[in-house]
Amino acid sequence: MRSGSNEVLTEMNILPGITVEMNGRMDEMASSAEQIDAAVQSVKKITQDTRDGIIQITSEVVKFKV
């Protein structure tokens, strides 16, 4: 019985370290998610600008068609 209690105590002492490690990893994931979101927003803006440019060029090219 004492052996089992010592084992439980050992595992209980490990838990705070594991918790700190997990929190650190979760913070890293949250930061990465924010970076991914920023990149997606940037691509979205570039895509919209490109679309607007294509529309503008198309309207200009139509003027030259005979």
PDB file of N, CA and C in Angstrom:
ATOM      1  N   MET A   1       0.836  -1.194   0.000  1.00  0.00           N
ATOM      2  CA  MET A   1       0.000   0.000   0.000  1.00  0.00           C
ATOM      3  C   MET A   1       0.871   1.244   0.000  1.00  0.00           C
ATOM      4  N   ARG A   2       1.931   1.213   0.817  1.00  0.00           N
ATOM      5  CA  ARG A   2       2.826   2.377   0.895  1.00  0.00           C
ATOM      6  C   ARG A   2       3.501   2.634  -0.450  1.00  0.00           C
ATOM      7  N   SER A   3       3.837   1.575  -1.142  1.00  0.00           N
ATOM      8  CA  SER A   3       4.460   1.702  -2.460  1.00  0.00           C
ATOM      9  C   SER A   3       3.513   2.418  -3.428  1.00  0.00           C
ATOM     10  N   GLY A   4       2.237   2.039  -3.377  1.00  0.00           N
ATOM     11  CA  GLY A   4       1.244   2.684  -4.235  1.00  0.00           C
ATOM     12  C   GLY A   4       1.073   4.146  -3.888  1.00  0.00           C
ATOM     13  N   SER A   5       1.102   4.472  -2.600  1.00  0.00           N
ATOM     14  CA  SER A   5       0.981   5.865  -2.176  1.00  0.00           C
ATOM     15  C   SER A   5       2.173   6.687  -2.643  1.00  0.00           C
ATOM     16  N   ASN A   6       3.356   6.109  -2.567  1.00  0.00           N
ATOM     17  CA  ASN A   6       4.562   6.809  -3.033  1.00  0.00           C
ATOM     18  C   ASN A   6       4.497   7.058  -4.535  1.00  0.00           C
ATOM     19  N   GLU A   7       3.983   6.082  -5.249  1.00  0.00           N
ATOM     20  CA  GLU A   7       3.850   6.228  -6.702  1.00  0.00           C
ATOM     21  C   GLU A   7       2.868   7.356  -7.041  1.00  0.00           C
ATOM     22  N   VAL A   8       1.758   7.391  -6.339  1.00  0.00           N
ATOM     23  CA  VAL A   8       0.763   8.447  -6.552  1.00  0.00           C
ATOM     24  C   VAL A   8       1.367   9.800  -6.212  1.00  0.00           C
ATOM     25  N   LEU A   9       2.101   9.872  -5.112  1.00  0.00           N
ATOM     26  CA  LEU A   9       2.737  11.121  -4.693  1.00  0.00           C
ATOM     27  C   LEU A   9       3.747  11.594  -5.744  1.00  0.00           C
ATOM     28  N   THR A  10       4.514  10.670  -6.273  1.00  0.00           N
ATOM     29  CA  THR A  10       5.489  11.011  -7.316  1.00  0.00           C
ATOM     30  C   THR A  10       4.778  11.584  -8.537  1.00  0.00           C
ATOM     31  N   GLU A  11       3.718  10.929  -8.949  1.00  0.00           N
ATOM     32  CA  GLU A  11       2.965  11.393 -10.118  1.00  0.00           C
ATOM     33  C   GLU A  11       2.316  12.752  -9.843  1.00  0.00           C
ATOM     34  N   MET A  12       1.822  12.956  -8.645  1.00  0.00           N
ATOM     35  CA  MET A  12       1.215  14.238  -8.276  1.00  0.00           C
ATOM     36  C   MET A  12       2.250  15.361  -8.337  1.00  0.00           C
ATOM     37  N   ASN A  13       3.480  15.075  -7.987  1.00  0.00           N
ATOM     38  CA  ASN A  13       4.548  16.077  -8.031  1.00  0.00           C
ATOM     39  C   ASN A  13       4.939  16.430  -9.461  1.00  0.00           C
ATOM     40  N   ILE A  14       4.692  15.523 -10.385  1.00  0.00           N
ATOM     41  CA  ILE A  14       5.013  15.757 -11.796  1.00  0.00           C
ATOM     42  C   ILE A  14       3.951  16.638 -12.456  1.00  0.00           C
ATOM     43  N   LEU A  15       2.716  16.561 -11.983  1.00  0.00           N
ATOM     44  CA  LEU A  15       1.592  17.265 -12.623  1.00  0.00           C
ATOM     45  C   LEU A  15       1.801  18.768 -12.805  1.00  0.00           C
ATOM     46  N   PRO A  16       2.296  19.503 -11.819  1.00  0.00           N
ATOM     47  CA  PRO A  16       2.466  20.948 -12.044  1.00  0.00           C
ATOM     48  C   PRO A  16       3.398  21.265 -13.215  1.00  0.00           C
ATOM     49  N   GLY A  17       4.461  20.504 -13.360  1.00  0.00           N
ATOM     50  CA  GLY A  17       5.377  20.717 -14.487  1.00  0.00           C
ATOM     51  C   GLY A  17       4.710  20.441 -15.820  1.00  0.00           C
ATOM     52  N   ILE A  18       3.929  19.383 -15.848  1.00  0.00           N
ATOM     53  CA  ILE A  18       3.207  19.047 -17.074  1.00  0.00           C
ATOM     54  C   ILE A  18       2.200  20.148 -17.404  1.00  0.00           C
ATOM     55  N   THR A  19       1.525  20.648 -16.392  1.00  0.00           N
ATOM     56  CA  THR A  19       0.537  21.713 -16.587  1.00  0.00           C
ATOM     57  C   THR A  19       1.198  22.969 -17.145  1.00  0.00           C
ATOM     58  N   VAL A  20       2.343  23.342 -16.601  1.00  0.00           N
ATOM     59  CA  VAL A  20       3.070  24.517 -17.092  1.00  0.00           C
ATOM     60  C   VAL A  20       3.480  24.306 -18.550  1.00  0.00           C
ATOM     61  N   GLU A  21       3.969  23.117 -18.862  1.00  0.00           N
ATOM     62  CA  GLU A  21       4.381  22.793 -20.238  1.00  0.00           C
ATOM     63  C   GLU A  21       3.191  22.873 -21.191  1.00  0.00           C
ATOM     64  N   MET A  22       2.067  22.315 -20.774  1.00  0.00           N
ATOM     65  CA  MET A  22       0.868  22.355 -21.625  1.00  0.00           C
ATOM     66  C   MET A  22       0.403  23.786 -21.847  1.00  0.00           C
ATOM     67  N   ASN A  23       0.419  24.599 -20.805  1.00  0.00           N
ATOM     68  CA  ASN A  23       0.016  26.005 -20.952  1.00  0.00           C
ATOM     69  C   ASN A  23       0.941  26.738 -21.916  1.00  0.00           C
ATOM     70  N   GLY A  24       2.235  26.465 -21.814  1.00  0.00           N
ATOM     71  CA  GLY A  24       3.182  27.086 -22.736  1.00  0.00           C
ATOM     72  C   GLY A  24       2.908  26.698 -24.179  1.00  0.00           C
ATOM     73  N   ARG A  25       2.638  25.423 -24.393  1.00  0.00           N
ATOM     74  CA  ARG A  25       2.340  24.946 -25.758  1.00  0.00           C
ATOM     75  C   ARG A  25       1.035  25.540 -26.272  1.00  0.00           C
ATOM     76  N   MET A  26       0.055  25.672 -25.407  1.00  0.00           N
ATOM     77  CA  MET A  26      -1.219  26.272 -25.823  1.00  0.00           C
ATOM     78  C   MET A  26      -1.028  27.742 -26.183  1.00  0.00           C
ATOM     79  N   ASP A  27      -0.182  28.440 -25.451  1.00  0.00           N
ATOM     80  CA  ASP A  27       0.120  29.833 -25.789  1.00  0.00           C
ATOM     81  C   ASP A  27       0.800  29.922 -27.150  1.00  0.00           C
ATOM     82  N   GLU A  28       1.719  28.985 -27.417  1.00  0.00           N
ATOM     83  CA  GLU A  28       2.382  28.954 -28.722  1.00  0.00           C
ATOM     84  C   GLU A  28       1.376  28.706 -29.839  1.00  0.00           C
ATOM     85  N   MET A  29       0.435  27.793 -29.604  1.00  0.00           N
ATOM     86  CA  MET A  29      -0.577  27.502 -30.623  1.00  0.00           C
ATOM     87  C   MET A  29      -1.463  28.720 -30.862  1.00  0.00           C
ATOM     88  N   ALA A  30      -1.830  29.420 -29.804  1.00  0.00           N
ATOM     89  CA  ALA A  30      -2.661  30.617 -29.958  1.00  0.00           C
ATOM     90  C   ALA A  30      -1.921  31.685 -30.755  1.00  0.00           C
ATOM     91  N   SER A  31      -0.642  31.854 -30.458  1.00  0.00           N
ATOM     92  CA  SER A  31       0.170  32.829 -31.185  1.00  0.00           C
ATOM     93  C   SER A  31       0.276  32.443 -32.664  1.00  0.00           C
ATOM     94  N   SER A  32       0.486  31.163 -32.921  1.00  0.00           N
ATOM     95  CA  SER A  32       0.568  30.687 -34.304  1.00  0.00           C
ATOM     96  C   SER A  32      -0.749  30.887 -35.033  1.00  0.00           C
ATOM     97  N   ALA A  33      -1.852  30.648 -34.342  1.00  0.00           N
ATOM     98  CA  ALA A  33      -3.171  30.846 -34.954  1.00  0.00           C
ATOM     99  C   ALA A  33      -3.368  32.310 -35.327  1.00  0.00           C
ATOM    100  N   GLU A  34      -2.899  33.211 -34.474  1.00  0.00           N
ATOM    101  CA  GLU A  34      -2.997  34.644 -34.780  1.00  0.00           C
ATOM    102  C   GLU A  34      -2.150  34.992 -36.006  1.00  0.00           C
ATOM    103  N   GLN A  35      -0.965  34.405 -36.108  1.00  0.00           N
ATOM    104  CA  GLN A  35      -0.106  34.652 -37.268  1.00  0.00           C
ATOM    105  C   GLN A  35      -0.743  34.115 -38.540  1.00  0.00           C
ATOM    106  N   ILE A  36      -1.350  32.936 -38.447  1.00  0.00           N
ATOM    107  CA  ILE A  36      -2.029  32.359 -39.606  1.00  0.00           C
ATOM    108  C   ILE A  36      -3.195  33.245 -40.026  1.00  0.00           C
ATOM    109  N   ASP A  37      -3.956  33.729 -39.065  1.00  0.00           N
ATOM    110  CA  ASP A  37      -5.079  34.607 -39.368  1.00  0.00           C
ATOM    111  C   ASP A  37      -4.600  35.883 -40.053  1.00  0.00           C
ATOM    112  N   ALA A  38      -3.517  36.456 -39.566  1.00  0.00           N
ATOM    113  CA  ALA A  38      -2.971  37.669 -40.183  1.00  0.00           C
ATOM    114  C   ALA A  38      -2.541  37.387 -41.617  1.00  0.00           C
ATOM    115  N   ALA A  39      -1.927  36.232 -41.849  1.00  0.00           N
ATOM    116  CA  ALA A  39      -1.500  35.870 -43.205  1.00  0.00           C
ATOM    117  C   ALA A  39      -2.705  35.678 -44.120  1.00  0.00           C
ATOM    118  N   VAL A  40      -3.744  35.050 -43.616  1.00  0.00           N
ATOM    119  CA  VAL A  40      -4.960  34.841 -44.410  1.00  0.00           C
ATOM    120  C   VAL A  40      -5.593  36.182 -44.765  1.00  0.00           C
ATOM    121  N   GLN A  41      -5.655  37.095 -43.808  1.00  0.00           N
ATOM    122  CA  GLN A  41      -6.212  38.419 -44.074  1.00  0.00           C
ATOM    123  C   GLN A  41      -5.380  39.157 -45.121  1.00  0.00           C
ATOM    124  N   SER A  42      -4.078  38.991 -45.055  1.00  0.00           N
ATOM    125  CA  SER A  42      -3.192  39.628 -46.022  1.00  0.00           C
ATOM    126  C   SER A  42      -3.433  39.070 -47.428  1.00  0.00           C
ATOM    127  N   VAL A  43      -3.554  37.759 -47.529  1.00  0.00           N
ATOM    128  CA  VAL A  43      -3.835  37.129 -48.830  1.00  0.00           C
ATOM    129  C   VAL A  43      -5.198  37.586 -49.343  1.00  0.00           C
ATOM    130  N   LYS A  44      -6.166  37.684 -48.460  1.00  0.00           N
ATOM    131  CA  LYS A  44      -7.500  38.141 -48.856  1.00  0.00           C
ATOM    132  C   LYS A  44      -7.434  39.554 -49.434  1.00  0.00           C
ATOM    133  N   LYS A  45      -6.680  40.435 -48.782  1.00  0.00           N
ATOM    134  CA  LYS A  45      -6.534  41.818 -49.257  1.00  0.00           C
ATOM    135  C   LYS A  45      -5.852  41.845 -50.624  1.00  0.00           C
ATOM    136  N   ILE A  46      -4.790  41.064 -50.777  1.00  0.00           N
ATOM    137  CA  ILE A  46      -4.076  41.006 -52.057  1.00  0.00           C
ATOM    138  C   ILE A  46      -5.010  40.496 -53.154  1.00  0.00           C
ATOM    139  N   THR A  47      -5.805  39.487 -52.830  1.00  0.00           N
ATOM    140  CA  THR A  47      -6.745  38.926 -53.805  1.00  0.00           C
ATOM    141  C   THR A  47      -7.777  39.968 -54.222  1.00  0.00           C
ATOM    142  N   GLN A  48      -8.297  40.706 -53.264  1.00  0.00           N
ATOM    143  CA  GLN A  48      -9.275  41.754 -53.576  1.00  0.00           C
ATOM    144  C   GLN A  48      -8.637  42.841 -54.440  1.00  0.00           C
ATOM    145  N   ASP A  49      -7.423  43.245 -54.101  1.00  0.00           N
ATOM    146  CA  ASP A  49      -6.728  44.262 -54.888  1.00  0.00           C
ATOM    147  C   ASP A  49      -6.475  43.775 -56.311  1.00  0.00           C
ATOM    148  N   THR A  50      -6.101  42.510 -56.429  1.00  0.00           N
ATOM    149  CA  THR A  50      -5.856  41.933 -57.760  1.00  0.00           C
ATOM    150  C   THR A  50      -7.142  41.899 -58.571  1.00  0.00           C
ATOM    151  N   ARG A  51      -8.227  41.487 -57.932  1.00  0.00           N
ATOM    152  CA  ARG A  51      -9.527  41.452 -58.605  1.00  0.00           C
ATOM    153  C   ARG A  51      -9.912  42.849 -59.086  1.00  0.00           C
ATOM    154  N   ASP A  52      -9.749  43.838 -58.217  1.00  0.00           N
ATOM    155  CA  ASP A  52     -10.089  45.212 -58.589  1.00  0.00           C
ATOM    156  C   ASP A  52      -9.218  45.691 -59.752  1.00  0.00           C
ATOM    157  N   GLY A  53      -7.944  45.307 -59.728  1.00  0.00           N
ATOM    158  CA  GLY A  53      -7.042  45.683 -60.818  1.00  0.00           C
ATOM    159  C   GLY A  53      -7.455  45.044 -62.131  1.00  0.00           C
ATOM    160  N   ILE A  54      -7.837  43.783 -62.082  1.00  0.00           N
ATOM    161  CA  ILE A  54      -8.286  43.085 -63.294  1.00  0.00           C
ATOM    162  C   ILE A  54      -9.538  43.743 -63.850  1.00  0.00           C
ATOM    163  N   ILE A  55     -10.461  44.093 -62.986  1.00  0.00           N
ATOM    164  CA  ILE A  55     -11.691  44.763 -63.431  1.00  0.00           C
ATOM    165  C   ILE A  55     -11.349  46.095 -64.090  1.00  0.00           C
ATOM    166  N   GLN A  56     -10.442  46.833 -63.489  1.00  0.00           N
ATOM    167  CA  GLN A  56     -10.057  48.133 -64.046  1.00  0.00           C
ATOM    168  C   GLN A  56      -9.354  47.967 -65.393  1.00  0.00           C
ATOM    169  N   ILE A  57      -8.456  47.013 -65.497  1.00  0.00           N
ATOM    170  CA  ILE A  57      -7.751  46.776 -66.763  1.00  0.00           C
ATOM    171  C   ILE A  57      -8.736  46.324 -67.831  1.00  0.00           C
ATOM    172  N   THR A  58      -9.662  45.455 -67.466  1.00  0.00           N
ATOM    173  CA  THR A  58     -10.663  44.972 -68.422  1.00  0.00           C
ATOM    174  C   THR A  58     -11.483  46.126 -68.969  1.00  0.00           C
ATOM    175  N   SER A  59     -11.887  47.040 -68.106  1.00  0.00           N
ATOM    176  CA  SER A  59     -12.685  48.174 -68.577  1.00  0.00           C
ATOM    177  C   SER A  59     -11.866  49.087 -69.480  1.00  0.00           C
ATOM    178  N   GLU A  60     -10.572  49.184 -69.254  1.00  0.00           N
ATOM    179  CA  GLU A  60      -9.710  49.992 -70.116  1.00  0.00           C
ATOM    180  C   GLU A  60      -9.469  49.305 -71.460  1.00  0.00           C
ATOM    181  N   VAL A  61      -9.286  47.987 -71.446  1.00  0.00           N
ATOM    182  CA  VAL A  61      -9.029  47.243 -72.683  1.00  0.00           C
ATOM    183  C   VAL A  61     -10.256  47.299 -73.603  1.00  0.00           C
ATOM    184  N   VAL A  62     -11.440  47.282 -73.025  1.00  0.00           N
ATOM    185  CA  VAL A  62     -12.674  47.354 -73.822  1.00  0.00           C
ATOM    186  C   VAL A  62     -12.695  48.640 -74.649  1.00  0.00           C
ATOM    187  N   LYS A  63     -12.119  49.696 -74.134  1.00  0.00           N
ATOM    188  CA  LYS A  63     -12.103  50.970 -74.851  1.00  0.00           C
ATOM    189  C   LYS A  63     -11.276  50.876 -76.141  1.00  0.00           C
ATOM    190  N   PHE A  64     -10.290  49.974 -76.168  1.00  0.00           N
ATOM    191  CA  PHE A  64      -9.406  49.868 -77.336  1.00  0.00           C
ATOM    192  C   PHE A  64      -9.901  48.881 -78.378  1.00  0.00           C
ATOM    193  N   LYS A  65     -10.889  48.079 -78.031  1.00  0.00           N
ATOM    194  CA  LYS A  65     -11.394  47.100 -78.983  1.00  0.00           C
ATOM    195  C   LYS A  65     -12.172  47.817 -80.081  1.00  0.00           C
ATOM    196  N   VAL A  66     -11.940  47.379 -81.288  1.00  0.00           N
ATOM    197  CA  VAL A  66     -12.603  47.990 -82.440  1.00  0.00           C
ATOM    198  C   VAL A  66     -13.622  47.051 -83.004  1.00  0.00           C
TER     199      VAL A  66
END
